[in-house]
Amino acid sequence: MTATPKDTLELSWSDFLDRYTPMTNSLYPAAAFDGLMFETYGEEWDFVRAQPRERVWTIIDDGDCFAVINGLSISNRLGYLVTIEPVATGLSVFVDLEAG
């Protein structure tokens, strides 16, 4: 398991889904992550960038870690999620997608 800072809330994928409610990608319903992921280019990228930052999440894979983190990150990004519920200001959330 990857170390996370003390001010980070670590959630399972199912807890993340329950707590933050990701939006379905209406631009491309056959998107990865059961239709939830937005791509890093084109119309989907434009949509993500237009969302409030507290509702944007980045799916990352840096070779050591496959996870979802809150915020719009460019490094190691695979795609994005946009949620209905925003993350609280100052809180970092880490969703370990490799945890079983």
PDB file of N, CA and C in Angstrom:
ATOM      1  N   MET A   1       0.841  -1.175   0.000  1.00  0.00           N
ATOM      2  CA  MET A   1       0.000   0.000   0.000  1.00  0.00           C
ATOM      3  C   MET A   1       0.888   1.241   0.000  1.00  0.00           C
ATOM      4  N   THR A   2       0.496   2.227  -0.778  1.00  0.00           N
ATOM      5  CA  THR A   2       1.250   3.472  -0.881  1.00  0.00           C
ATOM      6  C   THR A   2       0.982   4.348   0.335  1.00  0.00           C
ATOM      7  N   ALA A   3       2.013   4.972   0.883  1.00  0.00           N
ATOM      8  CA  ALA A   3       1.852   5.873   2.025  1.00  0.00           C
ATOM      9  C   ALA A   3       1.102   7.126   1.596  1.00  0.00           C
ATOM     10  N   THR A   4       0.236   7.603   2.475  1.00  0.00           N
ATOM     11  CA  THR A   4      -0.524   8.818   2.209  1.00  0.00           C
ATOM     12  C   THR A   4      -0.317   9.803   3.356  1.00  0.00           C
ATOM     13  N   PRO A   5      -0.402  11.104   3.080  1.00  0.00           N
ATOM     14  CA  PRO A   5      -0.237  12.099   4.150  1.00  0.00           C
ATOM     15  C   PRO A   5      -1.307  11.958   5.222  1.00  0.00           C
ATOM     16  N   LYS A   6      -1.033  12.493   6.422  1.00  0.00           N
ATOM     17  CA  LYS A   6      -1.972  12.396   7.548  1.00  0.00           C
ATOM     18  C   LYS A   6      -3.315  13.045   7.258  1.00  0.00           C
ATOM     19  N   ASP A   7      -3.337  14.122   6.476  1.00  0.00           N
ATOM     20  CA  ASP A   7      -4.576  14.825   6.197  1.00  0.00           C
ATOM     21  C   ASP A   7      -5.349  14.235   5.020  1.00  0.00           C
ATOM     22  N   THR A   8      -5.030  13.010   4.654  1.00  0.00           N
ATOM     23  CA  THR A   8      -5.673  12.340   3.538  1.00  0.00           C
ATOM     24  C   THR A   8      -6.693  11.328   4.047  1.00  0.00           C
ATOM     25  N   LEU A   9      -7.862  11.376   3.455  1.00  0.00           N
ATOM     26  CA  LEU A   9      -8.896  10.395   3.732  1.00  0.00           C
ATOM     27  C   LEU A   9      -8.741   9.281   2.712  1.00  0.00           C
ATOM     28  N   GLU A  10      -8.542   8.066   3.156  1.00  0.00           N
ATOM     29  CA  GLU A  10      -8.390   6.928   2.258  1.00  0.00           C
ATOM     30  C   GLU A  10      -9.707   6.166   2.216  1.00  0.00           C
ATOM     31  N   LEU A  11     -10.217   5.964   0.998  1.00  0.00           N
ATOM     32  CA  LEU A  11     -11.496   5.296   0.813  1.00  0.00           C
ATOM     33  C   LEU A  11     -11.356   4.110  -0.120  1.00  0.00           C
ATOM     34  N   SER A  12     -12.235   3.153   0.033  1.00  0.00           N
ATOM     35  CA  SER A  12     -12.357   2.076  -0.945  1.00  0.00           C
ATOM     36  C   SER A  12     -13.157   2.624  -2.123  1.00  0.00           C
ATOM     37  N   TRP A  13     -13.120   1.927  -3.244  1.00  0.00           N
ATOM     38  CA  TRP A  13     -13.884   2.354  -4.415  1.00  0.00           C
ATOM     39  C   TRP A  13     -15.379   2.421  -4.093  1.00  0.00           C
ATOM     40  N   SER A  14     -15.910   1.420  -3.405  1.00  0.00           N
ATOM     41  CA  SER A  14     -17.348   1.429  -3.089  1.00  0.00           C
ATOM     42  C   SER A  14     -17.707   2.569  -2.135  1.00  0.00           C
ATOM     43  N   ASP A  15     -16.839   2.863  -1.164  1.00  0.00           N
ATOM     44  CA  ASP A  15     -17.101   3.998  -0.256  1.00  0.00           C
ATOM     45  C   ASP A  15     -17.048   5.318  -1.015  1.00  0.00           C
ATOM     46  N   PHE A  16     -16.111   5.421  -1.959  1.00  0.00           N
ATOM     47  CA  PHE A  16     -16.032   6.623  -2.795  1.00  0.00           C
ATOM     48  C   PHE A  16     -17.328   6.810  -3.580  1.00  0.00           C
ATOM     49  N   LEU A  17     -17.801   5.737  -4.214  1.00  0.00           N
ATOM     50  CA  LEU A  17     -19.036   5.810  -4.997  1.00  0.00           C
ATOM     51  C   LEU A  17     -20.208   6.261  -4.138  1.00  0.00           C
ATOM     52  N   ASP A  18     -20.309   5.721  -2.930  1.00  0.00           N
ATOM     53  CA  ASP A  18     -21.405   6.081  -2.018  1.00  0.00           C
ATOM     54  C   ASP A  18     -21.303   7.518  -1.522  1.00  0.00           C
ATOM     55  N   ARG A  19     -20.107   7.953  -1.241  1.00  0.00           N
ATOM     56  CA  ARG A  19     -19.900   9.267  -0.613  1.00  0.00           C
ATOM     57  C   ARG A  19     -19.940  10.433  -1.599  1.00  0.00           C
ATOM     58  N   TYR A  20     -19.393  10.241  -2.808  1.00  0.00           N
ATOM     59  CA  TYR A  20     -19.245  11.363  -3.741  1.00  0.00           C
ATOM     60  C   TYR A  20     -20.091  11.269  -5.016  1.00  0.00           C
ATOM     61  N   THR A  21     -20.683  10.143  -5.324  1.00  0.00           N
ATOM     62  CA  THR A  21     -21.586   9.961  -6.455  1.00  0.00           C
ATOM     63  C   THR A  21     -21.044  10.498  -7.789  1.00  0.00           C
ATOM     64  N   PRO A  22     -20.181   9.749  -8.447  1.00  0.00           N
ATOM     65  CA  PRO A  22     -19.679  10.183  -9.754  1.00  0.00           C
ATOM     66  C   PRO A  22     -20.798  10.268 -10.805  1.00  0.00           C
ATOM     67  N   MET A  23     -20.683  11.271 -11.664  1.00  0.00           N
ATOM     68  CA  MET A  23     -21.626  11.465 -12.763  1.00  0.00           C
ATOM     69  C   MET A  23     -21.296  10.502 -13.900  1.00  0.00           C
ATOM     70  N   THR A  24     -22.320  10.036 -14.577  1.00  0.00           N
ATOM     71  CA  THR A  24     -22.129   9.248 -15.790  1.00  0.00           C
ATOM     72  C   THR A  24     -21.655  10.179 -16.896  1.00  0.00           C
ATOM     73  N   ASN A  25     -20.749   9.686 -17.712  1.00  0.00           N
ATOM     74  CA  ASN A  25     -20.247  10.452 -18.844  1.00  0.00           C
ATOM     75  C   ASN A  25     -21.322  10.446 -19.937  1.00  0.00           C
ATOM     76  N   SER A  26     -22.105  11.507 -20.001  1.00  0.00           N
ATOM     77  CA  SER A  26     -23.184  11.578 -20.994  1.00  0.00           C
ATOM     78  C   SER A  26     -22.646  11.865 -22.401  1.00  0.00           C
ATOM     79  N   LEU A  27     -21.386  12.283 -22.498  1.00  0.00           N
ATOM     80  CA  LEU A  27     -20.774  12.538 -23.801  1.00  0.00           C
ATOM     81  C   LEU A  27     -20.349  11.238 -24.477  1.00  0.00           C
ATOM     82  N   TYR A  28     -20.035  10.216 -23.660  1.00  0.00           N
ATOM     83  CA  TYR A  28     -19.609   8.918 -24.172  1.00  0.00           C
ATOM     84  C   TYR A  28     -20.033   7.843 -23.166  1.00  0.00           C
ATOM     85  N   PRO A  29     -21.288   7.392 -23.249  1.00  0.00           N
ATOM     86  CA  PRO A  29     -21.824   6.443 -22.261  1.00  0.00           C
ATOM     87  C   PRO A  29     -21.055   5.130 -22.141  1.00  0.00           C
ATOM     88  N   ALA A  30     -20.274   4.749 -23.166  1.00  0.00           N
ATOM     89  CA  ALA A  30     -19.495   3.506 -23.103  1.00  0.00           C
ATOM     90  C   ALA A  30     -18.119   3.733 -22.490  1.00  0.00           C
ATOM     91  N   ALA A  31     -17.944   4.835 -21.782  1.00  0.00           N
ATOM     92  CA  ALA A  31     -16.657   5.188 -21.180  1.00  0.00           C
ATOM     93  C   ALA A  31     -16.217   4.136 -20.162  1.00  0.00           C
ATOM     94  N   ALA A  32     -14.909   4.102 -19.915  1.00  0.00           N
ATOM     95  CA  ALA A  32     -14.340   3.205 -18.903  1.00  0.00           C
ATOM     96  C   ALA A  32     -14.931   3.522 -17.527  1.00  0.00           C
ATOM     97  N   PHE A  33     -14.650   2.661 -16.578  1.00  0.00           N
ATOM     98  CA  PHE A  33     -15.150   2.785 -15.211  1.00  0.00           C
ATOM     99  C   PHE A  33     -16.680   2.806 -15.208  1.00  0.00           C
ATOM    100  N   ASP A  34     -17.258   1.846 -15.912  1.00  0.00           N
ATOM    101  CA  ASP A  34     -18.711   1.689 -15.983  1.00  0.00           C
ATOM    102  C   ASP A  34     -19.411   2.954 -16.449  1.00  0.00           C
ATOM    103  N   GLY A  35     -18.799   3.643 -17.420  1.00  0.00           N
ATOM    104  CA  GLY A  35     -19.408   4.837 -17.992  1.00  0.00           C
ATOM    105  C   GLY A  35     -19.161   6.112 -17.218  1.00  0.00           C
ATOM    106  N   LEU A  36     -18.236   6.079 -16.245  1.00  0.00           N
ATOM    107  CA  LEU A  36     -17.998   7.241 -15.383  1.00  0.00           C
ATOM    108  C   LEU A  36     -16.791   8.080 -15.786  1.00  0.00           C
ATOM    109  N   MET A  37     -15.834   7.495 -16.498  1.00  0.00           N
ATOM    110  CA  MET A  37     -14.586   8.209 -16.782  1.00  0.00           C
ATOM    111  C   MET A  37     -14.726   9.179 -17.956  1.00  0.00           C
ATOM    112  N   PHE A  38     -14.106  10.342 -17.801  1.00  0.00           N
ATOM    113  CA  PHE A  38     -14.011  11.334 -18.859  1.00  0.00           C
ATOM    114  C   PHE A  38     -12.579  11.323 -19.379  1.00  0.00           C
ATOM    115  N   GLU A  39     -12.420  11.427 -20.685  1.00  0.00           N
ATOM    116  CA  GLU A  39     -11.107  11.383 -21.320  1.00  0.00           C
ATOM    117  C   GLU A  39     -10.305  12.661 -21.085  1.00  0.00           C
ATOM    118  N   THR A  40      -9.053  12.615 -21.504  1.00  0.00           N
ATOM    119  CA  THR A  40      -8.087  13.698 -21.271  1.00  0.00           C
ATOM    120  C   THR A  40      -7.931  14.609 -22.486  1.00  0.00           C
ATOM    121  N   TYR A  41      -8.868  14.533 -23.411  1.00  0.00           N
ATOM    122  CA  TYR A  41      -8.778  15.327 -24.628  1.00  0.00           C
ATOM    123  C   TYR A  41     -10.186  15.614 -25.166  1.00  0.00           C
ATOM    124  N   GLY A  42     -10.265  16.537 -26.094  1.00  0.00           N
ATOM    125  CA  GLY A  42     -11.501  16.813 -26.812  1.00  0.00           C
ATOM    126  C   GLY A  42     -12.623  17.364 -25.954  1.00  0.00           C
ATOM    127  N   GLU A  43     -13.833  17.041 -26.365  1.00  0.00           N
ATOM    128  CA  GLU A  43     -15.045  17.544 -25.714  1.00  0.00           C
ATOM    129  C   GLU A  43     -15.134  17.111 -24.247  1.00  0.00           C
ATOM    130  N   GLU A  44     -14.688  15.890 -23.951  1.00  0.00           N
ATOM    131  CA  GLU A  44     -14.735  15.407 -22.566  1.00  0.00           C
ATOM    132  C   GLU A  44     -13.779  16.211 -21.686  1.00  0.00           C
ATOM    133  N   TRP A  45     -12.581  16.492 -22.182  1.00  0.00           N
ATOM    134  CA  TRP A  45     -11.598  17.299 -21.447  1.00  0.00           C
ATOM    135  C   TRP A  45     -12.145  18.706 -21.220  1.00  0.00           C
ATOM    136  N   ASP A  46     -12.775  19.285 -22.241  1.00  0.00           N
ATOM    137  CA  ASP A  46     -13.375  20.613 -22.100  1.00  0.00           C
ATOM    138  C   ASP A  46     -14.443  20.603 -21.009  1.00  0.00           C
ATOM    139  N   PHE A  47     -15.245  19.550 -20.977  1.00  0.00           N
ATOM    140  CA  PHE A  47     -16.281  19.425 -19.946  1.00  0.00           C
ATOM    141  C   PHE A  47     -15.664  19.367 -18.553  1.00  0.00           C
ATOM    142  N   VAL A  48     -14.655  18.536 -18.388  1.00  0.00           N
ATOM    143  CA  VAL A  48     -13.992  18.388 -17.081  1.00  0.00           C
ATOM    144  C   VAL A  48     -13.431  19.722 -16.608  1.00  0.00           C
ATOM    145  N   ARG A  49     -12.722  20.425 -17.484  1.00  0.00           N
ATOM    146  CA  ARG A  49     -12.112  21.706 -17.106  1.00  0.00           C
ATOM    147  C   ARG A  49     -13.137  22.764 -16.748  1.00  0.00           C
ATOM    148  N   ALA A  50     -14.368  22.629 -17.224  1.00  0.00           N
ATOM    149  CA  ALA A  50     -15.421  23.604 -16.921  1.00  0.00           C
ATOM    150  C   ALA A  50     -16.102  23.341 -15.571  1.00  0.00           C
ATOM    151  N   GLN A  51     -15.778  22.218 -14.939  1.00  0.00           N
ATOM    152  CA  GLN A  51     -16.414  21.847 -13.668  1.00  0.00           C
ATOM    153  C   GLN A  51     -15.704  22.493 -12.486  1.00  0.00           C
ATOM    154  N   PRO A  52     -16.444  22.717 -11.386  1.00  0.00           N
ATOM    155  CA  PRO A  52     -15.786  23.216 -10.162  1.00  0.00           C
ATOM    156  C   PRO A  52     -14.714  22.226  -9.712  1.00  0.00           C
ATOM    157  N   ARG A  53     -13.546  22.725  -9.363  1.00  0.00           N
ATOM    158  CA  ARG A  53     -12.403  21.862  -9.014  1.00  0.00           C
ATOM    159  C   ARG A  53     -12.705  20.915  -7.847  1.00  0.00           C
ATOM    160  N   GLU A  54     -13.572  21.305  -6.941  1.00  0.00           N
ATOM    161  CA  GLU A  54     -13.877  20.443  -5.796  1.00  0.00           C
ATOM    162  C   GLU A  54     -14.751  19.244  -6.187  1.00  0.00           C
ATOM    163  N   ARG A  55     -15.163  19.177  -7.446  1.00  0.00           N
ATOM    164  CA  ARG A  55     -15.956  18.045  -7.940  1.00  0.00           C
ATOM    165  C   ARG A  55     -15.209  17.225  -8.988  1.00  0.00           C
ATOM    166  N   VAL A  56     -13.942  17.574  -9.248  1.00  0.00           N
ATOM    167  CA  VAL A  56     -13.140  16.866 -10.254  1.00  0.00           C
ATOM    168  C   VAL A  56     -12.145  15.934  -9.558  1.00  0.00           C
ATOM    169  N   TRP A  57     -11.982  14.744 -10.119  1.00  0.00           N
ATOM    170  CA  TRP A  57     -11.108  13.698  -9.591  1.00  0.00           C
ATOM    171  C   TRP A  57     -10.262  13.147 -10.724  1.00  0.00           C
ATOM    172  N   THR A  58      -9.022  12.769 -10.432  1.00  0.00           N
ATOM    173  CA  THR A  58      -8.122  12.230 -11.440  1.00  0.00           C
ATOM    174  C   THR A  58      -7.849  10.760 -11.160  1.00  0.00           C
ATOM    175  N   ILE A  59      -8.001   9.952 -12.190  1.00  0.00           N
ATOM    176  CA  ILE A  59      -7.613   8.537 -12.113  1.00  0.00           C
ATOM    177  C   ILE A  59      -6.150   8.491 -12.533  1.00  0.00           C
ATOM    178  N   ILE A  60      -5.287   8.003 -11.636  1.00  0.00           N
ATOM    179  CA  ILE A  60      -3.850   8.017 -11.893  1.00  0.00           C
ATOM    180  C   ILE A  60      -3.259   6.606 -11.886  1.00  0.00           C
ATOM    181  N   ASP A  61      -2.172   6.469 -12.617  1.00  0.00           N
ATOM    182  CA  ASP A  61      -1.374   5.235 -12.600  1.00  0.00           C
ATOM    183  C   ASP A  61       0.063   5.649 -12.845  1.00  0.00           C
ATOM    184  N   ASP A  62       0.879   5.598 -11.782  1.00  0.00           N
ATOM    185  CA  ASP A  62       2.281   6.007 -11.923  1.00  0.00           C
ATOM    186  C   ASP A  62       3.228   4.809 -11.956  1.00  0.00           C
ATOM    187  N   GLY A  63       2.673   3.630 -12.155  1.00  0.00           N
ATOM    188  CA  GLY A  63       3.493   2.424 -12.178  1.00  0.00           C
ATOM    189  C   GLY A  63       3.559   1.746 -10.825  1.00  0.00           C
ATOM    190  N   ASP A  64       3.457   2.533  -9.754  1.00  0.00           N
ATOM    191  CA  ASP A  64       3.454   1.989  -8.393  1.00  0.00           C
ATOM    192  C   ASP A  64       2.075   2.078  -7.759  1.00  0.00           C
ATOM    193  N   CYS A  65       1.243   2.949  -8.300  1.00  0.00           N
ATOM    194  CA  CYS A  65      -0.026   3.256  -7.666  1.00  0.00           C
ATOM    195  C   CYS A  65      -1.114   3.451  -8.724  1.00  0.00           C
ATOM    196  N   PHE A  66      -2.233   2.757  -8.562  1.00  0.00           N
ATOM    197  CA  PHE A  66      -3.404   2.906  -9.411  1.00  0.00           C
ATOM    198  C   PHE A  66      -4.503   3.392  -8.490  1.00  0.00           C
ATOM    199  N   ALA A  67      -4.907   4.658  -8.646  1.00  0.00           N
ATOM    200  CA  ALA A  67      -5.791   5.264  -7.655  1.00  0.00           C
ATOM    201  C   ALA A  67      -6.612   6.406  -8.255  1.00  0.00           C
ATOM    202  N   VAL A  68      -7.537   6.886  -7.454  1.00  0.00           N
ATOM    203  CA  VAL A  68      -8.294   8.106  -7.746  1.00  0.00           C
ATOM    204  C   VAL A  68      -7.924   9.110  -6.680  1.00  0.00           C
ATOM    205  N   ILE A  69      -7.611  10.340  -7.106  1.00  0.00           N
ATOM    206  CA  ILE A  69      -7.315  11.421  -6.170  1.00  0.00           C
ATOM    207  C   ILE A  69      -8.196  12.616  -6.526  1.00  0.00           C
ATOM    208  N   ASN A  70      -8.495  13.420  -5.523  1.00  0.00           N
ATOM    209  CA  ASN A  70      -9.308  14.592  -5.818  1.00  0.00           C
ATOM    210  C   ASN A  70      -8.462  15.662  -6.491  1.00  0.00           C
ATOM    211  N   GLY A  71      -9.115  16.431  -7.342  1.00  0.00           N
ATOM    212  CA  GLY A  71      -8.456  17.516  -8.049  1.00  0.00           C
ATOM    213  C   GLY A  71      -8.152  17.146  -9.490  1.00  0.00           C
ATOM    214  N   LEU A  72      -7.771  18.163 -10.235  1.00  0.00           N
ATOM    215  CA  LEU A  72      -7.435  17.999 -11.644  1.00  0.00           C
ATOM    216  C   LEU A  72      -5.918  17.934 -11.761  1.00  0.00           C
ATOM    217  N   SER A  73      -5.412  16.739 -11.997  1.00  0.00           N
ATOM    218  CA  SER A  73      -3.973  16.522 -12.113  1.00  0.00           C
ATOM    219  C   SER A  73      -3.641  16.135 -13.548  1.00  0.00           C
ATOM    220  N   ILE A  74      -2.484  16.544 -13.994  1.00  0.00           N
ATOM    221  CA  ILE A  74      -2.031  16.206 -15.342  1.00  0.00           C
ATOM    222  C   ILE A  74      -1.066  15.014 -15.295  1.00  0.00           C
ATOM    223  N   SER A  75      -0.253  14.931 -14.242  1.00  0.00           N
ATOM    224  CA  SER A  75       0.741  13.858 -14.119  1.00  0.00           C
ATOM    225  C   SER A  75       0.083  12.502 -13.951  1.00  0.00           C
ATOM    226  N   ASN A  76       0.539  11.553 -14.745  1.00  0.00           N
ATOM    227  CA  ASN A  76       0.135  10.152 -14.615  1.00  0.00           C
ATOM    228  C   ASN A  76      -1.375   9.931 -14.745  1.00  0.00           C
ATOM    229  N   ARG A  77      -2.057  10.824 -15.398  1.00  0.00           N
ATOM    230  CA  ARG A  77      -3.513  10.728 -15.497  1.00  0.00           C
ATOM    231  C   ARG A  77      -3.933   9.705 -16.551  1.00  0.00           C
ATOM    232  N   LEU A  78      -4.969   8.958 -16.213  1.00  0.00           N
ATOM    233  CA  LEU A  78      -5.609   8.061 -17.179  1.00  0.00           C
ATOM    234  C   LEU A  78      -6.921   8.670 -17.652  1.00  0.00           C
ATOM    235  N   GLY A  79      -7.540   9.435 -16.775  1.00  0.00           N
ATOM    236  CA  GLY A  79      -8.824  10.050 -17.075  1.00  0.00           C
ATOM    237  C   GLY A  79      -9.333  10.764 -15.849  1.00  0.00           C
ATOM    238  N   TYR A  80     -10.577  11.193 -15.928  1.00  0.00           N
ATOM    239  CA  TYR A  80     -11.170  11.996 -14.852  1.00  0.00           C
ATOM    240  C   TYR A  80     -12.551  11.495 -14.482  1.00  0.00           C
ATOM    241  N   LEU A  81     -12.940  11.819 -13.267  1.00  0.00           N
ATOM    242  CA  LEU A  81     -14.298  11.615 -12.780  1.00  0.00           C
ATOM    243  C   LEU A  81     -14.818  12.975 -12.345  1.00  0.00           C
ATOM    244  N   VAL A  82     -16.119  13.167 -12.446  1.00  0.00           N
ATOM    245  CA  VAL A  82     -16.764  14.377 -11.939  1.00  0.00           C
ATOM    246  C   VAL A  82     -17.872  13.907 -11.010  1.00  0.00           C
ATOM    247  N   THR A  83     -17.896  14.434  -9.795  1.00  0.00           N
ATOM    248  CA  THR A  83     -18.863  13.967  -8.812  1.00  0.00           C
ATOM    249  C   THR A  83     -19.950  14.999  -8.532  1.00  0.00           C
ATOM    250  N   ILE A  84     -21.049  14.504  -7.999  1.00  0.00           N
ATOM    251  CA  ILE A  84     -22.159  15.373  -7.579  1.00  0.00           C
ATOM    252  C   ILE A  84     -21.758  16.101  -6.297  1.00  0.00           C
ATOM    253  N   GLU A  85     -21.254  15.369  -5.322  1.00  0.00           N
ATOM    254  CA  GLU A  85     -20.841  15.961  -4.046  1.00  0.00           C
ATOM    255  C   GLU A  85     -19.404  16.456  -4.153  1.00  0.00           C
ATOM    256  N   PRO A  86     -19.142  17.654  -3.675  1.00  0.00           N
ATOM    257  CA  PRO A  86     -17.769  18.183  -3.703  1.00  0.00           C
ATOM    258  C   PRO A  86     -16.944  17.643  -2.535  1.00  0.00           C
ATOM    259  N   VAL A  87     -15.638  17.650  -2.706  1.00  0.00           N
ATOM    260  CA  VAL A  87     -14.747  17.313  -1.598  1.00  0.00           C
ATOM    261  C   VAL A  87     -14.596  18.570  -0.735  1.00  0.00           C
ATOM    262  N   ALA A  88     -14.485  18.389   0.558  1.00  0.00           N
ATOM    263  CA  ALA A  88     -14.332  19.522   1.476  1.00  0.00           C
ATOM    264  C   ALA A  88     -13.009  20.247   1.229  1.00  0.00           C
ATOM    265  N   THR A  89     -13.024  21.543   1.367  1.00  0.00           N
ATOM    266  CA  THR A  89     -11.821  22.350   1.196  1.00  0.00           C
ATOM    267  C   THR A  89     -10.734  21.879   2.158  1.00  0.00           C
ATOM    268  N   GLY A  90      -9.536  21.695   1.628  1.00  0.00           N
ATOM    269  CA  GLY A  90      -8.397  21.289   2.450  1.00  0.00           C
ATOM    270  C   GLY A  90      -8.262  19.796   2.671  1.00  0.00           C
ATOM    271  N   LEU A  91      -9.224  19.011   2.215  1.00  0.00           N
ATOM    272  CA  LEU A  91      -9.166  17.566   2.393  1.00  0.00           C
ATOM    273  C   LEU A  91      -8.614  16.912   1.131  1.00  0.00           C
ATOM    274  N   SER A  92      -7.689  15.982   1.304  1.00  0.00           N
ATOM    275  CA  SER A  92      -7.199  15.162   0.204  1.00  0.00           C
ATOM    276  C   SER A  92      -7.826  13.787   0.348  1.00  0.00           C
ATOM    277  N   VAL A  93      -8.317  13.264  -0.761  1.00  0.00           N
ATOM    278  CA  VAL A  93      -8.942  11.946  -0.745  1.00  0.00           C
ATOM    279  C   VAL A  93      -8.146  11.040  -1.669  1.00  0.00           C
ATOM    280  N   PHE A  94      -7.896   9.829  -1.196  1.00  0.00           N
ATOM    281  CA  PHE A  94      -7.132   8.821  -1.930  1.00  0.00           C
ATOM    282  C   PHE A  94      -7.976   7.551  -2.003  1.00  0.00           C
ATOM    283  N   VAL A  95      -8.264   7.103  -3.228  1.00  0.00           N
ATOM    284  CA  VAL A  95      -9.034   5.882  -3.426  1.00  0.00           C
ATOM    285  C   VAL A  95      -8.092   4.872  -4.086  1.00  0.00           C
ATOM    286  N   ASP A  96      -7.682   3.873  -3.332  1.00  0.00           N
ATOM    287  CA  ASP A  96      -6.752   2.848  -3.827  1.00  0.00           C
ATOM    288  C   ASP A  96      -7.539   1.850  -4.667  1.00  0.00           C
ATOM    289  N   LEU A  97      -7.326   1.871  -5.975  1.00  0.00           N
ATOM    290  CA  LEU A  97      -8.046   0.983  -6.874  1.00  0.00           C
ATOM    291  C   LEU A  97      -7.456  -0.421  -6.915  1.00  0.00           C
ATOM    292  N   GLU A  98      -6.327  -0.622  -6.265  1.00  0.00           N
ATOM    293  CA  GLU A  98      -5.708  -1.944  -6.210  1.00  0.00           C
ATOM    294  C   GLU A  98      -6.051  -2.701  -4.938  1.00  0.00           C
ATOM    295  N   ALA A  99      -6.655  -2.023  -3.982  1.00  0.00           N
ATOM    296  CA  ALA A  99      -7.023  -2.672  -2.724  1.00  0.00           C
ATOM    297  C   ALA A  99      -8.132  -3.672  -2.990  1.00  0.00           C
ATOM    298  N   GLY A 100      -8.035  -4.786  -2.389  1.00  0.00           N
ATOM    299  CA  GLY A 100      -9.031  -5.811  -2.656  1.00  0.00           C
ATOM    300  C   GLY A 100      -9.688  -6.242  -1.431  1.00  0.00           C
TER     301      GLY A 100
END
